[in-house]
Protein backbone atom coordinates (compact mmCIF):
# COMPACT_ATOMS: atom_id res chain seq x y z
CA MET A 1 103.26 142.87 104.50
CA THR A 2 103.70 146.60 103.86
CA THR A 3 101.24 148.85 102.09
CA GLN A 4 103.45 148.99 99.01
CA GLU A 5 103.47 145.22 98.64
CA GLN A 6 99.66 144.90 98.63
CA THR A 7 98.10 144.57 95.21
CA THR A 8 94.50 144.78 94.21
CA GLU A 9 92.94 143.04 91.30
CA VAL A 10 90.37 145.06 89.37
CA ILE A 11 87.40 142.96 88.34
CA PRO A 12 85.04 144.56 85.83
CA ALA A 13 81.49 144.81 87.17
CA VAL A 14 79.93 144.25 83.76
CA SER A 15 81.53 141.99 81.24
CA GLN A 16 79.32 143.14 78.35
CA GLU A 17 78.86 146.62 76.99
CA VAL A 18 75.67 148.25 78.29
CA PRO A 19 73.42 149.45 75.45
CA PRO A 20 72.24 153.08 75.48
CA VAL A 21 68.98 153.76 77.28
CA ARG A 22 66.18 154.77 74.94
CA SER A 23 62.87 156.33 75.86
CA PHE A 24 59.74 157.33 73.97
CA ILE A 25 59.43 160.47 76.07
CA PHE A 26 62.65 162.21 75.04
CA PRO A 27 63.53 163.03 71.46
CA ALA A 28 66.79 161.78 70.00
CA GLY A 29 69.85 163.62 71.22
CA GLY A 30 69.75 162.91 74.93
CA ILE A 31 68.28 164.37 78.07
CA GLN A 32 70.70 167.30 78.39
CA GLU A 33 69.95 168.50 74.86
CA TYR A 34 66.22 168.05 75.46
CA ALA A 35 66.36 170.15 78.64
CA ALA A 36 68.50 172.82 76.96
CA GLY A 37 66.04 173.00 74.05
CA LEU A 38 63.10 173.38 76.44
CA LEU A 39 64.86 176.20 78.30
CA GLU A 40 65.69 177.96 75.03
CA GLU A 41 62.10 177.65 73.80
CA ALA A 42 60.75 178.93 77.12
CA SER A 43 63.17 181.86 77.04
CA ARG A 44 61.89 182.88 73.59
CA ALA A 45 58.27 182.63 74.79
CA GLU A 46 59.11 184.73 77.86
CA GLY A 47 60.72 187.39 75.66
CA ILE A 48 57.59 187.59 73.50
CA ALA A 49 55.37 187.83 76.60
CA ARG A 50 57.54 190.65 77.99
CA GLN A 51 57.19 192.54 74.69
CA ARG A 52 53.43 192.14 74.94
CA ILE A 53 53.55 193.49 78.51
CA ASP A 54 55.30 196.60 77.20
CA GLU A 55 52.63 196.89 74.50
CA ALA A 56 49.89 196.56 77.13
CA GLU A 57 51.49 199.28 79.28
CA ALA A 58 51.51 201.58 76.24
CA GLY A 59 47.84 200.67 75.62
CA ILE A 60 46.93 201.48 79.22
CA LEU A 61 48.61 204.87 78.97
CA ALA A 62 47.01 205.66 75.59
CA ALA A 63 43.55 204.65 76.86
CA ARG A 64 44.02 206.77 79.98
CA ASN A 65 45.06 209.77 77.86
CA ALA A 66 42.02 209.22 75.60
CA LYS A 67 39.81 209.00 78.71
CA GLU A 68 38.49 205.56 77.69
CA PRO A 69 38.12 203.56 80.94
CA ARG A 70 36.82 200.39 79.24
CA GLN A 71 39.80 200.28 76.89
CA GLU A 72 42.11 200.89 79.83
CA HIS A 73 40.45 198.01 81.68
CA ARG A 74 40.88 195.67 78.69
CA TRP A 75 44.56 196.58 78.38
CA ARG A 76 45.01 195.95 82.13
CA LEU A 77 43.45 192.50 81.74
CA ARG A 78 45.78 191.75 78.83
CA LYS A 79 48.79 192.88 80.88
CA ALA A 80 47.71 190.66 83.80
CA ARG A 81 47.46 187.63 81.46
CA ARG A 82 50.95 188.29 80.08
CA LEU A 83 52.37 188.70 83.59
CA ARG A 84 50.89 185.29 84.49
CA GLU A 85 52.49 183.84 81.33
CA VAL A 86 55.90 185.18 82.35
CA GLU A 87 55.50 183.86 85.90
CA ARG A 88 54.43 180.42 84.64
CA THR A 89 57.36 180.33 82.20
CA GLU A 90 59.78 181.18 85.00
CA ARG A 91 58.38 178.36 87.15
CA PHE A 92 58.59 175.98 84.16
CA CYS A 93 62.28 176.87 83.72
CA ASN A 94 62.93 176.51 87.47
CA ALA A 95 61.42 173.00 87.43
CA ILE A 96 63.71 172.01 84.56
CA ARG A 97 66.74 173.50 86.30
CA GLU A 98 65.84 171.45 89.41
CA GLY A 99 65.95 168.26 87.35
CA TYR A 100 62.28 167.75 86.47
CA LEU A 101 61.46 167.18 82.81
CA PRO A 102 57.96 167.47 81.33
CA ILE A 103 56.14 164.52 79.88
CA PRO A 104 53.40 164.48 77.23
CA ARG A 105 50.10 165.82 78.52
CA MET A 106 47.56 163.17 79.45
CA PRO A 107 44.29 163.11 81.37
CA ALA A 108 45.13 163.37 85.07
CA ILE A 109 43.00 163.28 88.20
CA ARG A 110 43.50 165.86 90.95
CA LEU A 111 44.70 164.39 94.23
CA ASP A 112 41.52 165.38 96.04
CA TRP A 113 39.46 163.35 93.52
CA THR A 114 41.60 160.25 93.24
CA GLN A 115 41.04 157.05 95.14
CA GLN A 116 44.56 155.74 94.57
CA LEU A 117 46.50 154.67 97.63
CA MET A 118 50.03 156.03 97.30
CA PRO A 119 52.93 154.01 98.74
CA PRO A 120 55.07 155.65 101.44
CA GLU A 121 57.96 156.21 99.00
CA ILE A 122 55.69 158.16 96.65
CA LEU A 123 54.27 160.17 99.56
CA GLY A 124 57.89 161.08 100.42
CA CYS A 125 58.44 162.25 96.82
CA LEU A 126 55.20 164.25 97.02
CA ALA A 127 56.28 165.92 100.27
CA GLU A 128 59.65 166.85 98.73
CA ALA A 129 57.97 168.25 95.58
CA LYS A 130 55.48 170.25 97.66
CA GLU A 131 58.31 171.65 99.73
CA SER A 132 60.15 172.80 96.59
CA GLY A 133 57.27 175.15 95.72
CA LEU A 134 57.81 174.55 91.99
CA PHE A 135 54.36 173.16 91.18
CA ASP A 136 50.83 174.60 91.10
CA GLU A 137 49.18 171.33 92.00
CA PHE A 138 49.62 167.57 91.86
CA ARG A 139 47.65 164.99 89.92
CA ILE A 140 47.68 161.28 89.14
CA VAL A 141 47.81 159.83 85.64
CA ASP A 142 46.38 156.34 85.84
CA GLY A 143 44.73 155.72 82.50
CA SER A 144 41.40 157.14 83.66
CA ASP A 145 39.77 159.88 81.66
CA ALA A 146 39.55 163.35 83.20
CA TYR A 147 38.30 166.80 82.40
CA PRO A 148 41.02 169.46 81.92
CA GLY A 149 40.45 170.71 85.49
CA GLY A 150 41.35 167.29 86.91
CA TYR A 151 37.84 166.06 87.72
CA PRO A 152 37.37 162.38 86.79
CA ARG A 153 35.24 161.70 83.74
CA ALA A 154 32.98 158.68 84.24
CA ARG A 155 33.12 156.04 81.53
CA ARG A 156 31.16 152.87 81.97
CA GLY A 157 33.06 149.64 82.16
CA VAL A 158 36.48 151.32 81.90
CA THR A 159 38.74 151.06 84.92
CA TYR A 160 42.43 151.22 84.12
CA LYS A 161 44.10 152.60 87.23
CA ARG A 162 47.29 150.63 86.58
CA ASP A 163 50.84 151.90 86.99
CA PRO A 164 49.81 155.36 88.21
CA ILE A 165 52.16 158.31 87.82
CA LEU A 166 52.21 161.19 90.29
CA VAL A 167 52.77 164.42 88.36
CA GLY A 168 53.40 167.99 89.38
CA MET A 169 51.66 170.65 87.30
CA VAL A 170 53.05 173.98 86.11
CA GLY A 171 50.23 175.49 84.09
CA ASN A 172 49.20 172.63 81.82
CA GLU A 173 52.67 171.05 81.74
CA MET A 174 53.17 167.76 83.59
CA PHE A 175 56.35 166.79 85.41
CA PRO A 176 56.60 163.20 86.71
CA ILE A 177 57.31 162.97 90.42
CA GLY A 178 57.03 159.21 90.91
CA TRP A 179 55.20 156.08 89.76
CA TRP A 180 54.31 152.75 91.27
CA ARG A 181 52.69 149.46 90.39
């Protein structure tokens, strides 16, 4: 039998139409539109922060010319805050460009305070995320209550710790890295 005589029968893998995937995390419109909207919003915020940096530089110069060291110091502090905002916004955008999308903010425990045992697959995801350098720190969302700094908040008789999610943090934004049962 020659190659030309061979025929192949195509068998559909799915006989029924697959419904669209829906999620409570992403607004209507799809993931690509959500990511594009986040990048656009972050770009606007970065532009505003850069304008405020320019304003702070003018304030520093004016305070120096007026020989007011305390005012100059205050303007330098303001400039430093705005520079941190710009840097955080850039890292936020980089995380989105790398395929990470933020989730709603929830109480999360810092890794050094958690007692969760992470499966090897999740530890692999953590190693990859650490290597990327995109995130400030990593935390676990497990239904427990936590202070904003990631320290667990004790609540009597409440132990959820089910279906934990490993998240990477950029500022106060959370990006899911992996979850397990």
